[in-house]
């Protein structure tokens, strides 16, 4: 972190424990141990670390809700980490409504990460191309569209949902999906309503360290909804450095900065010096994170 001028990290576990363990009790125990460890790390370095709580499978409703309550109320987690799907069920599945109700009760920040089970649908010939290489971006998009079309994000609107990896392919395909009559027929959302919902997610910049997708994301997301993300340690330090160089080369104009401050209800007069100059994207994403996690402004 220090070598790359990263002051604060929100830690999360990006591997579903259902991949490691089969027994539901063992999964719940490992989730608790992980959260207590991350809370202890946060307590040692409160300005440097936060964490998204790990929870059991959403299919294990009672244990999942119990861990959400414990992590948010007792451990003061900064949010909860969810995967895009559990088994064949995406996050907007009706079976998950009790979990969403609990998350909504806490006005939870939710970090989503793609996952998929098995390699059966990977490209096999002339050599194996793992699904994660191609399909994780689509998996995030599928989850996001499922949350919109099932009205989950409206019904549980106190939750703030972060899509990893720049929202997958959502910024590119959202307009097309919204315009297709089938979408409106299924969800009842007019194209502009669908597009507004799609741009209301939060997006991290993990693996978005290239000019064209970065520009697309900044134009698509609502002001103050783009956050820095590294994907470390899955992306190693050299990759983090390479992406950071691109992010640090991007500056945000005055009108966008003004929109961000208005969204956060900050008095612009007290920030006139900052509002009068171009800000590097790295600084803008930090300001967005401070809006989402106010304790880091203290």
C-alpha atoms as a PDB file:
ATOM      1  CA  UNK A   1       0.000   0.000   0.000  1.00  0.00           C
ATOM      2  CA  UNK A   2       2.665   2.505   1.015  1.00  0.00           C
ATOM      3  CA  UNK A   3       4.724   1.810  -2.108  1.00  0.00           C
ATOM      4  CA  UNK A   4       1.739   2.743  -4.259  1.00  0.00           C
ATOM      5  CA  UNK A   5       0.411   5.699  -2.233  1.00  0.00           C
ATOM      6  CA  UNK A   6      -2.678   3.773  -1.138  1.00  0.00           C
ATOM      7  CA  UNK A   7      -3.658   5.067   2.281  1.00  0.00           C
ATOM      8  CA  UNK A   8      -6.727   2.940   2.997  1.00  0.00           C
ATOM      9  CA  UNK A   9      -8.010  -0.470   1.895  1.00  0.00           C
ATOM     10  CA  UNK A  10     -11.376  -2.101   2.478  1.00  0.00           C
ATOM     11  CA  UNK A  11     -10.575  -5.798   2.736  1.00  0.00           C
ATOM     12  CA  UNK A  12     -12.809  -8.608   1.500  1.00  0.00           C
ATOM     13  CA  UNK A  13     -12.675 -12.321   0.801  1.00  0.00           C
ATOM     14  CA  UNK A  14     -13.251 -13.025  -2.899  1.00  0.00           C
ATOM     15  CA  UNK A  15     -13.382 -16.822  -2.621  1.00  0.00           C
ATOM     16  CA  UNK A  16     -16.709 -18.464  -1.699  1.00  0.00           C
ATOM     17  CA  UNK A  17     -16.242 -20.713   1.307  1.00  0.00           C
ATOM     18  CA  UNK A  18     -18.618 -23.181  -0.329  1.00  0.00           C
ATOM     19  CA  UNK A  19     -15.708 -23.962  -2.676  1.00  0.00           C
ATOM     20  CA  UNK A  20     -13.531 -24.902   0.292  1.00  0.00           C
ATOM     21  CA  UNK A  21     -16.067 -26.578   2.575  1.00  0.00           C
ATOM     22  CA  UNK A  22     -19.288 -28.529   2.219  1.00  0.00           C
ATOM     23  CA  UNK A  23     -20.623 -28.494   5.766  1.00  0.00           C
ATOM     24  CA  UNK A  24     -22.849 -25.479   6.507  1.00  0.00           C
ATOM     25  CA  UNK A  25     -21.760 -25.260  10.147  1.00  0.00           C
ATOM     26  CA  UNK A  26     -18.104 -25.232   9.172  1.00  0.00           C
ATOM     27  CA  UNK A  27     -18.764 -22.512   6.600  1.00  0.00           C
ATOM     28  CA  UNK A  28     -20.521 -20.369   9.221  1.00  0.00           C
ATOM     29  CA  UNK A  29     -17.638 -20.916  11.660  1.00  0.00           C
ATOM     30  CA  UNK A  30     -15.017 -19.942   9.081  1.00  0.00           C
ATOM     31  CA  UNK A  31     -17.042 -16.842   8.165  1.00  0.00           C
ATOM     32  CA  UNK A  32     -17.095 -15.783  11.820  1.00  0.00           C
ATOM     33  CA  UNK A  33     -13.366 -16.412  12.252  1.00  0.00           C
ATOM     34  CA  UNK A  34     -12.581 -14.433   9.099  1.00  0.00           C
ATOM     35  CA  UNK A  35     -14.681 -11.481  10.201  1.00  0.00           C
ATOM     36  CA  UNK A  36     -13.200 -11.407  13.677  1.00  0.00           C
ATOM     37  CA  UNK A  37      -9.678 -11.491  12.230  1.00  0.00           C
ATOM     38  CA  UNK A  38     -10.435  -8.637   9.827  1.00  0.00           C
ATOM     39  CA  UNK A  39     -12.036  -6.642  12.644  1.00  0.00           C
ATOM     40  CA  UNK A  40      -8.905  -7.103  14.762  1.00  0.00           C
ATOM     41  CA  UNK A  41      -6.751  -5.889  11.866  1.00  0.00           C
ATOM     42  CA  UNK A  42      -9.027  -2.873  11.441  1.00  0.00           C
ATOM     43  CA  UNK A  43      -8.782  -2.123  15.158  1.00  0.00           C
ATOM     44  CA  UNK A  44      -4.986  -2.135  14.988  1.00  0.00           C
ATOM     45  CA  UNK A  45      -4.899   0.191  11.965  1.00  0.00           C
ATOM     46  CA  UNK A  46      -8.269   1.985  11.905  1.00  0.00           C
ATOM     47  CA  UNK A  47      -7.288   4.637   9.352  1.00  0.00           C
ATOM     48  CA  UNK A  48      -5.670   2.114   7.013  1.00  0.00           C
ATOM     49  CA  UNK A  49      -8.140  -0.749   6.944  1.00  0.00           C
ATOM     50  CA  UNK A  50     -11.820  -1.471   6.833  1.00  0.00           C
ATOM     51  CA  UNK A  51     -13.560  -4.684   5.845  1.00  0.00           C
ATOM     52  CA  UNK A  52     -16.569  -6.160   4.137  1.00  0.00           C
ATOM     53  CA  UNK A  53     -17.941  -9.025   6.197  1.00  0.00           C
ATOM     54  CA  UNK A  54     -17.974 -12.544   4.802  1.00  0.00           C
ATOM     55  CA  UNK A  55     -21.272 -14.389   5.236  1.00  0.00           C
ATOM     56  CA  UNK A  56     -22.449 -17.969   4.684  1.00  0.00           C
ATOM     57  CA  UNK A  57     -24.354 -18.826   1.519  1.00  0.00           C
ATOM     58  CA  UNK A  58     -27.548 -16.836   1.085  1.00  0.00           C
ATOM     59  CA  UNK A  59     -29.281 -20.208   0.735  1.00  0.00           C
ATOM     60  CA  UNK A  60     -28.376 -20.794   4.398  1.00  0.00           C
ATOM     61  CA  UNK A  61     -30.743 -18.000   5.360  1.00  0.00           C
ATOM     62  CA  UNK A  62     -30.715 -18.178   9.152  1.00  0.00           C
ATOM     63  CA  UNK A  63     -26.931 -18.427   9.490  1.00  0.00           C
ATOM     64  CA  UNK A  64     -26.425 -15.733   6.869  1.00  0.00           C
ATOM     65  CA  UNK A  65     -28.701 -13.269   8.666  1.00  0.00           C
ATOM     66  CA  UNK A  66     -27.098 -14.110  12.002  1.00  0.00           C
ATOM     67  CA  UNK A  67     -23.637 -13.299  10.634  1.00  0.00           C
ATOM     68  CA  UNK A  68     -24.825 -10.072   9.018  1.00  0.00           C
ATOM     69  CA  UNK A  69     -26.249  -8.904  12.348  1.00  0.00           C
ATOM     70  CA  UNK A  70     -23.113  -9.892  14.265  1.00  0.00           C
ATOM     71  CA  UNK A  71     -20.672  -8.387  11.768  1.00  0.00           C
ATOM     72  CA  UNK A  72     -22.494  -5.071  11.396  1.00  0.00           C
ATOM     73  CA  UNK A  73     -23.713  -4.566  14.972  1.00  0.00           C
ATOM     74  CA  UNK A  74     -20.907  -6.140  16.993  1.00  0.00           C
ATOM     75  CA  UNK A  75     -17.836  -5.946  14.771  1.00  0.00           C
ATOM     76  CA  UNK A  76     -18.856  -2.675  13.055  1.00  0.00           C
ATOM     77  CA  UNK A  77     -17.955  -3.972   9.595  1.00  0.00           C
ATOM     78  CA  UNK A  78     -17.943  -1.353   6.834  1.00  0.00           C
ATOM     79  CA  UNK A  79     -20.256  -3.496   4.743  1.00  0.00           C
ATOM     80  CA  UNK A  80     -20.976  -7.025   3.572  1.00  0.00           C
ATOM     81  CA  UNK A  81     -19.495  -8.971   0.683  1.00  0.00           C
ATOM     82  CA  UNK A  82     -21.867 -10.989  -1.514  1.00  0.00           C
ATOM     83  CA  UNK A  83     -21.246 -13.127  -4.572  1.00  0.00           C
ATOM     84  CA  UNK A  84     -23.179 -12.618  -7.774  1.00  0.00           C
ATOM     85  CA  UNK A  85     -24.929 -15.961  -7.477  1.00  0.00           C
ATOM     86  CA  UNK A  86     -25.353 -18.894  -5.131  1.00  0.00           C
ATOM     87  CA  UNK A  87     -25.855 -22.176  -6.920  1.00  0.00           C
ATOM     88  CA  UNK A  88     -28.080 -21.254  -9.843  1.00  0.00           C
ATOM     89  CA  UNK A  89     -29.746 -18.362  -8.006  1.00  0.00           C
ATOM     90  CA  UNK A  90     -28.792 -14.758  -8.714  1.00  0.00           C
ATOM     91  CA  UNK A  91     -28.993 -12.073  -6.046  1.00  0.00           C
ATOM     92  CA  UNK A  92     -32.525 -10.968  -6.862  1.00  0.00           C
ATOM     93  CA  UNK A  93     -33.973 -14.455  -6.303  1.00  0.00           C
ATOM     94  CA  UNK A  94     -37.116 -14.439  -4.126  1.00  0.00           C
ATOM     95  CA  UNK A  95     -35.510 -16.907  -1.697  1.00  0.00           C
ATOM     96  CA  UNK A  96     -33.020 -14.202  -0.752  1.00  0.00           C
ATOM     97  CA  UNK A  97     -35.597 -11.566   0.239  1.00  0.00           C
ATOM     98  CA  UNK A  98     -35.153 -12.160   4.020  1.00  0.00           C
ATOM     99  CA  UNK A  99     -31.405 -11.559   3.638  1.00  0.00           C
ATOM    100  CA  UNK A 100     -32.044  -8.369   1.672  1.00  0.00           C
ATOM    101  CA  UNK A 101     -34.484  -7.202   4.334  1.00  0.00           C
ATOM    102  CA  UNK A 102     -31.769  -7.588   6.979  1.00  0.00           C
ATOM    103  CA  UNK A 103     -29.205  -5.799   4.823  1.00  0.00           C
ATOM    104  CA  UNK A 104     -31.696  -3.014   4.167  1.00  0.00           C
ATOM    105  CA  UNK A 105     -32.421  -2.670   7.886  1.00  0.00           C
ATOM    106  CA  UNK A 106     -28.738  -1.835   8.408  1.00  0.00           C
ATOM    107  CA  UNK A 107     -28.524   0.407   5.292  1.00  0.00           C
ATOM    108  CA  UNK A 108     -25.625  -1.817   4.288  1.00  0.00           C
ATOM    109  CA  UNK A 109     -22.879  -1.110   1.777  1.00  0.00           C
ATOM    110  CA  UNK A 110     -22.716  -4.313  -0.266  1.00  0.00           C
ATOM    111  CA  UNK A 111     -19.655  -5.324  -2.256  1.00  0.00           C
ATOM    112  CA  UNK A 112     -20.399  -7.850  -4.981  1.00  0.00           C
ATOM    113  CA  UNK A 113     -17.864 -10.132  -6.614  1.00  0.00           C
ATOM    114  CA  UNK A 114     -18.415 -12.554  -9.499  1.00  0.00           C
ATOM    115  CA  UNK A 115     -18.272 -16.280  -9.008  1.00  0.00           C
ATOM    116  CA  UNK A 116     -19.287 -19.372 -10.907  1.00  0.00           C
ATOM    117  CA  UNK A 117     -19.308 -23.055 -10.198  1.00  0.00           C
ATOM    118  CA  UNK A 118     -17.297 -25.569 -12.176  1.00  0.00           C
ATOM    119  CA  UNK A 119     -15.417 -25.429 -15.454  1.00  0.00           C
ATOM    120  CA  UNK A 120     -17.996 -27.308 -17.519  1.00  0.00           C
ATOM    121  CA  UNK A 121     -18.816 -24.365 -19.792  1.00  0.00           C
ATOM    122  CA  UNK A 122     -15.228 -23.253 -20.319  1.00  0.00           C
ATOM    123  CA  UNK A 123     -13.823 -23.237 -23.840  1.00  0.00           C
ATOM    124  CA  UNK A 124     -11.992 -26.571 -24.088  1.00  0.00           C
ATOM    125  CA  UNK A 125     -10.341 -26.645 -27.527  1.00  0.00           C
ATOM    126  CA  UNK A 126      -7.614 -26.399 -28.612  1.00  0.00           C
ATOM    127  CA  UNK A 127      -6.796 -25.656 -24.960  1.00  0.00           C
ATOM    128  CA  UNK A 128      -8.698 -24.746 -21.815  1.00  0.00           C
ATOM    129  CA  UNK A 129      -9.692 -21.084 -21.486  1.00  0.00           C
ATOM    130  CA  UNK A 130     -11.113 -20.798 -17.955  1.00  0.00           C
ATOM    131  CA  UNK A 131     -14.538 -19.218 -17.583  1.00  0.00           C
ATOM    132  CA  UNK A 132     -13.194 -16.682 -15.109  1.00  0.00           C
ATOM    133  CA  UNK A 133     -10.998 -15.153 -17.817  1.00  0.00           C
ATOM    134  CA  UNK A 134     -13.997 -14.273 -19.994  1.00  0.00           C
ATOM    135  CA  UNK A 135     -17.219 -14.788 -18.098  1.00  0.00           C
ATOM    136  CA  UNK A 136     -16.637 -13.036 -14.779  1.00  0.00           C
ATOM    137  CA  UNK A 137     -17.389  -9.691 -16.438  1.00  0.00           C
ATOM    138  CA  UNK A 138     -20.633 -11.109 -17.800  1.00  0.00           C
ATOM    139  CA  UNK A 139     -21.460 -12.680 -14.438  1.00  0.00           C
ATOM    140  CA  UNK A 140     -21.369  -9.261 -12.773  1.00  0.00           C
ATOM    141  CA  UNK A 141     -23.580  -7.891 -15.549  1.00  0.00           C
ATOM    142  CA  UNK A 142     -26.085 -10.725 -15.167  1.00  0.00           C
ATOM    143  CA  UNK A 143     -26.332 -10.100 -11.415  1.00  0.00           C
ATOM    144  CA  UNK A 144     -26.772  -6.352 -11.875  1.00  0.00           C
ATOM    145  CA  UNK A 145     -29.507  -6.765 -14.484  1.00  0.00           C
ATOM    146  CA  UNK A 146     -31.213  -9.369 -12.296  1.00  0.00           C
ATOM    147  CA  UNK A 147     -31.237  -6.925  -9.374  1.00  0.00           C
ATOM    148  CA  UNK A 148     -32.769  -4.223 -11.587  1.00  0.00           C
ATOM    149  CA  UNK A 149     -35.395  -6.327 -13.340  1.00  0.00           C
ATOM    150  CA  UNK A 150     -36.553  -8.070 -10.133  1.00  0.00           C
ATOM    151  CA  UNK A 151     -36.921  -4.610  -8.539  1.00  0.00           C
ATOM    152  CA  UNK A 152     -34.598  -5.686  -5.726  1.00  0.00           C
ATOM    153  CA  UNK A 153     -32.613  -2.444  -5.729  1.00  0.00           C
ATOM    154  CA  UNK A 154     -35.807  -0.391  -5.468  1.00  0.00           C
ATOM    155  CA  UNK A 155     -37.451  -2.515  -2.770  1.00  0.00           C
ATOM    156  CA  UNK A 156     -34.274  -2.461  -0.654  1.00  0.00           C
ATOM    157  CA  UNK A 157     -33.144   1.027  -1.557  1.00  0.00           C
ATOM    158  CA  UNK A 158     -31.293   1.710   1.705  1.00  0.00           C
ATOM    159  CA  UNK A 159     -28.565  -0.649   0.466  1.00  0.00           C
ATOM    160  CA  UNK A 160     -25.694   0.744  -1.603  1.00  0.00           C
ATOM    161  CA  UNK A 161     -24.339  -1.871  -3.997  1.00  0.00           C
ATOM    162  CA  UNK A 162     -20.792  -1.871  -5.381  1.00  0.00           C
ATOM    163  CA  UNK A 163     -20.127  -3.792  -8.588  1.00  0.00           C
ATOM    164  CA  UNK A 164     -16.540  -4.955  -8.907  1.00  0.00           C
ATOM    165  CA  UNK A 165     -14.379  -4.668 -12.037  1.00  0.00           C
ATOM    166  CA  UNK A 166     -16.132  -1.551 -13.287  1.00  0.00           C
ATOM    167  CA  UNK A 167     -19.495  -3.304 -13.362  1.00  0.00           C
ATOM    168  CA  UNK A 168     -18.341  -5.941 -15.830  1.00  0.00           C
ATOM    169  CA  UNK A 169     -19.915  -5.198 -19.206  1.00  0.00           C
ATOM    170  CA  UNK A 170     -22.874  -3.272 -17.747  1.00  0.00           C
ATOM    171  CA  UNK A 171     -21.772   0.222 -18.856  1.00  0.00           C
ATOM    172  CA  UNK A 172     -21.456  -1.053 -22.432  1.00  0.00           C
ATOM    173  CA  UNK A 173     -24.688  -3.063 -22.718  1.00  0.00           C
ATOM    174  CA  UNK A 174     -27.114  -1.260 -20.370  1.00  0.00           C
ATOM    175  CA  UNK A 175     -28.514   1.055 -23.029  1.00  0.00           C
ATOM    176  CA  UNK A 176     -29.082  -1.801 -25.459  1.00  0.00           C
ATOM    177  CA  UNK A 177     -30.849  -3.940 -22.862  1.00  0.00           C
ATOM    178  CA  UNK A 178     -33.002  -1.044 -21.695  1.00  0.00           C
ATOM    179  CA  UNK A 179     -34.092  -0.305 -25.267  1.00  0.00           C
ATOM    180  CA  UNK A 180     -35.184  -3.837 -26.121  1.00  0.00           C
ATOM    181  CA  UNK A 181     -39.013  -4.050 -25.756  1.00  0.00           C
ATOM    182  CA  UNK A 182     -38.687  -7.446 -24.055  1.00  0.00           C
ATOM    183  CA  UNK A 183     -36.973  -5.750 -21.092  1.00  0.00           C
ATOM    184  CA  UNK A 184     -39.863  -3.352 -20.516  1.00  0.00           C
ATOM    185  CA  UNK A 185     -42.367  -6.158 -20.992  1.00  0.00           C
ATOM    186  CA  UNK A 186     -40.693  -8.252 -18.290  1.00  0.00           C
ATOM    187  CA  UNK A 187     -39.755  -5.590 -15.749  1.00  0.00           C
ATOM    188  CA  UNK A 188     -42.200  -2.774 -16.488  1.00  0.00           C
ATOM    189  CA  UNK A 189     -39.271  -0.321 -16.639  1.00  0.00           C
ATOM    190  CA  UNK A 190     -39.086   2.185 -19.435  1.00  0.00           C
ATOM    191  CA  UNK A 191     -35.652   2.454 -21.100  1.00  0.00           C
ATOM    192  CA  UNK A 192     -34.748   5.619 -19.202  1.00  0.00           C
ATOM    193  CA  UNK A 193     -35.801   4.034 -15.889  1.00  0.00           C
ATOM    194  CA  UNK A 194     -33.688   0.966 -16.587  1.00  0.00           C
ATOM    195  CA  UNK A 195     -30.678   3.090 -17.518  1.00  0.00           C
ATOM    196  CA  UNK A 196     -31.080   5.260 -14.419  1.00  0.00           C
ATOM    197  CA  UNK A 197     -31.125   2.155 -12.218  1.00  0.00           C
ATOM    198  CA  UNK A 198     -28.082   0.698 -13.974  1.00  0.00           C
ATOM    199  CA  UNK A 199     -26.031   3.848 -13.452  1.00  0.00           C
ATOM    200  CA  UNK A 200     -27.026   4.074  -9.770  1.00  0.00           C
ATOM    201  CA  UNK A 201     -24.763   1.214  -8.698  1.00  0.00           C
ATOM    202  CA  UNK A 202     -21.321   1.989  -7.326  1.00  0.00           C
ATOM    203  CA  UNK A 203     -18.382   0.725  -9.395  1.00  0.00           C
ATOM    204  CA  UNK A 204     -14.824  -0.121  -8.416  1.00  0.00           C
ATOM    205  CA  UNK A 205     -11.897   0.275 -10.806  1.00  0.00           C
ATOM    206  CA  UNK A 206     -10.285  -3.132 -10.305  1.00  0.00           C
ATOM    207  CA  UNK A 207      -8.936  -4.250 -13.705  1.00  0.00           C
ATOM    208  CA  UNK A 208     -10.315  -1.134 -15.410  1.00  0.00           C
ATOM    209  CA  UNK A 209      -6.860   0.393 -15.844  1.00  0.00           C
ATOM    210  CA  UNK A 210      -7.207   1.111 -19.568  1.00  0.00           C
ATOM    211  CA  UNK A 211      -8.250   4.354 -21.206  1.00  0.00           C
ATOM    212  CA  UNK A 212     -11.317   3.355 -23.239  1.00  0.00           C
ATOM    213  CA  UNK A 213     -13.252   1.374 -20.570  1.00  0.00           C
ATOM    214  CA  UNK A 214     -12.257   3.918 -17.925  1.00  0.00           C
ATOM    215  CA  UNK A 215     -13.687   6.773 -20.002  1.00  0.00           C
ATOM    216  CA  UNK A 216     -16.878   4.790 -20.663  1.00  0.00           C
ATOM    217  CA  UNK A 217     -17.347   4.042 -16.959  1.00  0.00           C
ATOM    218  CA  UNK A 218     -16.792   7.653 -15.886  1.00  0.00           C
ATOM    219  CA  UNK A 219     -19.418   8.822 -18.395  1.00  0.00           C
ATOM    220  CA  UNK A 220     -21.871   6.076 -17.398  1.00  0.00           C
ATOM    221  CA  UNK A 221     -21.757   6.122 -13.575  1.00  0.00           C
ATOM    222  CA  UNK A 222     -23.524   8.735 -11.505  1.00  0.00           C
ATOM    223  CA  UNK A 223     -21.253  11.362  -9.903  1.00  0.00           C
ATOM    224  CA  UNK A 224     -19.529  10.057  -6.809  1.00  0.00           C
ATOM    225  CA  UNK A 225     -20.187   6.419  -7.689  1.00  0.00           C
ATOM    226  CA  UNK A 226     -16.730   5.380  -8.926  1.00  0.00           C
ATOM    227  CA  UNK A 227     -14.319   3.938  -6.360  1.00  0.00           C
ATOM    228  CA  UNK A 228     -10.736   2.762  -6.611  1.00  0.00           C
ATOM    229  CA  UNK A 229     -10.095  -0.987  -6.499  1.00  0.00           C
ATOM    230  CA  UNK A 230      -6.945  -2.994  -7.155  1.00  0.00           C
ATOM    231  CA  UNK A 231      -7.964  -6.687  -7.125  1.00  0.00           C
ATOM    232  CA  UNK A 232      -4.784  -7.349  -5.145  1.00  0.00           C
ATOM    233  CA  UNK A 233      -3.464 -10.035  -4.513  1.00  0.00           C
ATOM    234  CA  UNK A 234      -5.140 -11.687  -7.533  1.00  0.00           C
ATOM    235  CA  UNK A 235      -3.579  -8.855  -9.527  1.00  0.00           C
ATOM    236  CA  UNK A 236       0.006  -8.671  -8.298  1.00  0.00           C
ATOM    237  CA  UNK A 237       1.869  -5.475  -7.506  1.00  0.00           C
ATOM    238  CA  UNK A 238       3.243  -4.819 -10.982  1.00  0.00           C
ATOM    239  CA  UNK A 239      -0.268  -5.044 -12.379  1.00  0.00           C
ATOM    240  CA  UNK A 240      -1.537  -2.701  -9.676  1.00  0.00           C
ATOM    241  CA  UNK A 241       1.206  -0.196 -10.535  1.00  0.00           C
ATOM    242  CA  UNK A 242       0.398  -0.392 -14.248  1.00  0.00           C
ATOM    243  CA  UNK A 243      -3.302   0.263 -13.674  1.00  0.00           C
ATOM    244  CA  UNK A 244      -2.586   3.051 -11.203  1.00  0.00           C
ATOM    245  CA  UNK A 245      -0.499   4.867 -13.805  1.00  0.00           C
ATOM    246  CA  UNK A 246      -3.527   4.991 -16.089  1.00  0.00           C
ATOM    247  CA  UNK A 247      -5.864   6.077 -13.276  1.00  0.00           C
ATOM    248  CA  UNK A 248      -3.443   8.794 -12.155  1.00  0.00           C
ATOM    249  CA  UNK A 249      -3.223  10.163 -15.695  1.00  0.00           C
ATOM    250  CA  UNK A 250      -6.973  10.869 -15.771  1.00  0.00           C
ATOM    251  CA  UNK A 251      -8.298  14.177 -14.454  1.00  0.00           C
ATOM    252  CA  UNK A 252     -11.907  15.101 -13.736  1.00  0.00           C
ATOM    253  CA  UNK A 253     -13.350  18.426 -14.863  1.00  0.00           C
ATOM    254  CA  UNK A 254     -15.032  21.035 -12.708  1.00  0.00           C
ATOM    255  CA  UNK A 255     -18.622  20.145 -13.617  1.00  0.00           C
ATOM    256  CA  UNK A 256     -18.168  16.540 -12.531  1.00  0.00           C
ATOM    257  CA  UNK A 257     -16.505  17.573  -9.287  1.00  0.00           C
ATOM    258  CA  UNK A 258     -19.346  19.993  -8.588  1.00  0.00           C
ATOM    259  CA  UNK A 259     -21.875  17.196  -9.113  1.00  0.00           C
ATOM    260  CA  UNK A 260     -19.978  14.974  -6.679  1.00  0.00           C
ATOM    261  CA  UNK A 261     -19.935  17.614  -3.972  1.00  0.00           C
ATOM    262  CA  UNK A 262     -23.605  18.432  -4.523  1.00  0.00           C
ATOM    263  CA  UNK A 263     -24.439  14.742  -4.185  1.00  0.00           C
ATOM    264  CA  UNK A 264     -22.595  14.638  -0.873  1.00  0.00           C
ATOM    265  CA  UNK A 265     -24.249  17.888   0.323  1.00  0.00           C
ATOM    266  CA  UNK A 266     -20.841  19.472   0.943  1.00  0.00           C
ATOM    267  CA  UNK A 267     -20.741  23.290   0.973  1.00  0.00           C
ATOM    268  CA  UNK A 268     -18.948  24.195  -2.268  1.00  0.00           C
ATOM    269  CA  UNK A 269     -17.774  27.507  -0.861  1.00  0.00           C
ATOM    270  CA  UNK A 270     -15.650  25.672   1.689  1.00  0.00           C
ATOM    271  CA  UNK A 271     -14.088  23.689  -1.147  1.00  0.00           C
ATOM    272  CA  UNK A 272     -13.697  26.483  -3.655  1.00  0.00           C
ATOM    273  CA  UNK A 273      -9.987  25.900  -4.156  1.00  0.00           C
ATOM    274  CA  UNK A 274     -10.546  22.219  -4.964  1.00  0.00           C
ATOM    275  CA  UNK A 275     -13.559  22.978  -7.159  1.00  0.00           C
ATOM    276  CA  UNK A 276     -11.585  25.411  -9.314  1.00  0.00           C
ATOM    277  CA  UNK A 277      -8.991  22.950 -10.605  1.00  0.00           C
ATOM    278  CA  UNK A 278      -8.839  19.595 -12.319  1.00  0.00           C
ATOM    279  CA  UNK A 279      -8.534  16.746  -9.838  1.00  0.00           C
ATOM    280  CA  UNK A 280      -6.765  13.450 -10.577  1.00  0.00           C
ATOM    281  CA  UNK A 281      -9.163  10.532 -10.734  1.00  0.00           C
ATOM    282  CA  UNK A 282      -7.369   8.872  -7.828  1.00  0.00           C
ATOM    283  CA  UNK A 283      -8.345  11.805  -5.606  1.00  0.00           C
ATOM    284  CA  UNK A 284     -11.905  11.861  -6.921  1.00  0.00           C
ATOM    285  CA  UNK A 285     -12.355   8.157  -6.147  1.00  0.00           C
ATOM    286  CA  UNK A 286     -11.077   8.771  -2.616  1.00  0.00           C
ATOM    287  CA  UNK A 287     -13.630  11.547  -2.153  1.00  0.00           C
ATOM    288  CA  UNK A 288     -16.331   9.178  -3.388  1.00  0.00           C
ATOM    289  CA  UNK A 289     -15.171   6.533  -0.912  1.00  0.00           C
ATOM    290  CA  UNK A 290     -15.271   9.039   1.939  1.00  0.00           C
ATOM    291  CA  UNK A 291     -18.880   9.811   1.044  1.00  0.00           C
ATOM    292  CA  UNK A 292     -19.692   6.096   1.187  1.00  0.00           C
ATOM    293  CA  UNK A 293     -17.579   5.421   4.303  1.00  0.00           C
ATOM    294  CA  UNK A 294     -17.745   8.654   6.353  1.00  0.00           C
ATOM    295  CA  UNK A 295     -15.578   7.311   9.176  1.00  0.00           C
ATOM    296  CA  UNK A 296     -12.523   7.743   6.930  1.00  0.00           C
ATOM    297  CA  UNK A 297     -13.055  11.510   6.810  1.00  0.00           C
ATOM    298  CA  UNK A 298     -12.370  11.815  10.533  1.00  0.00           C
END
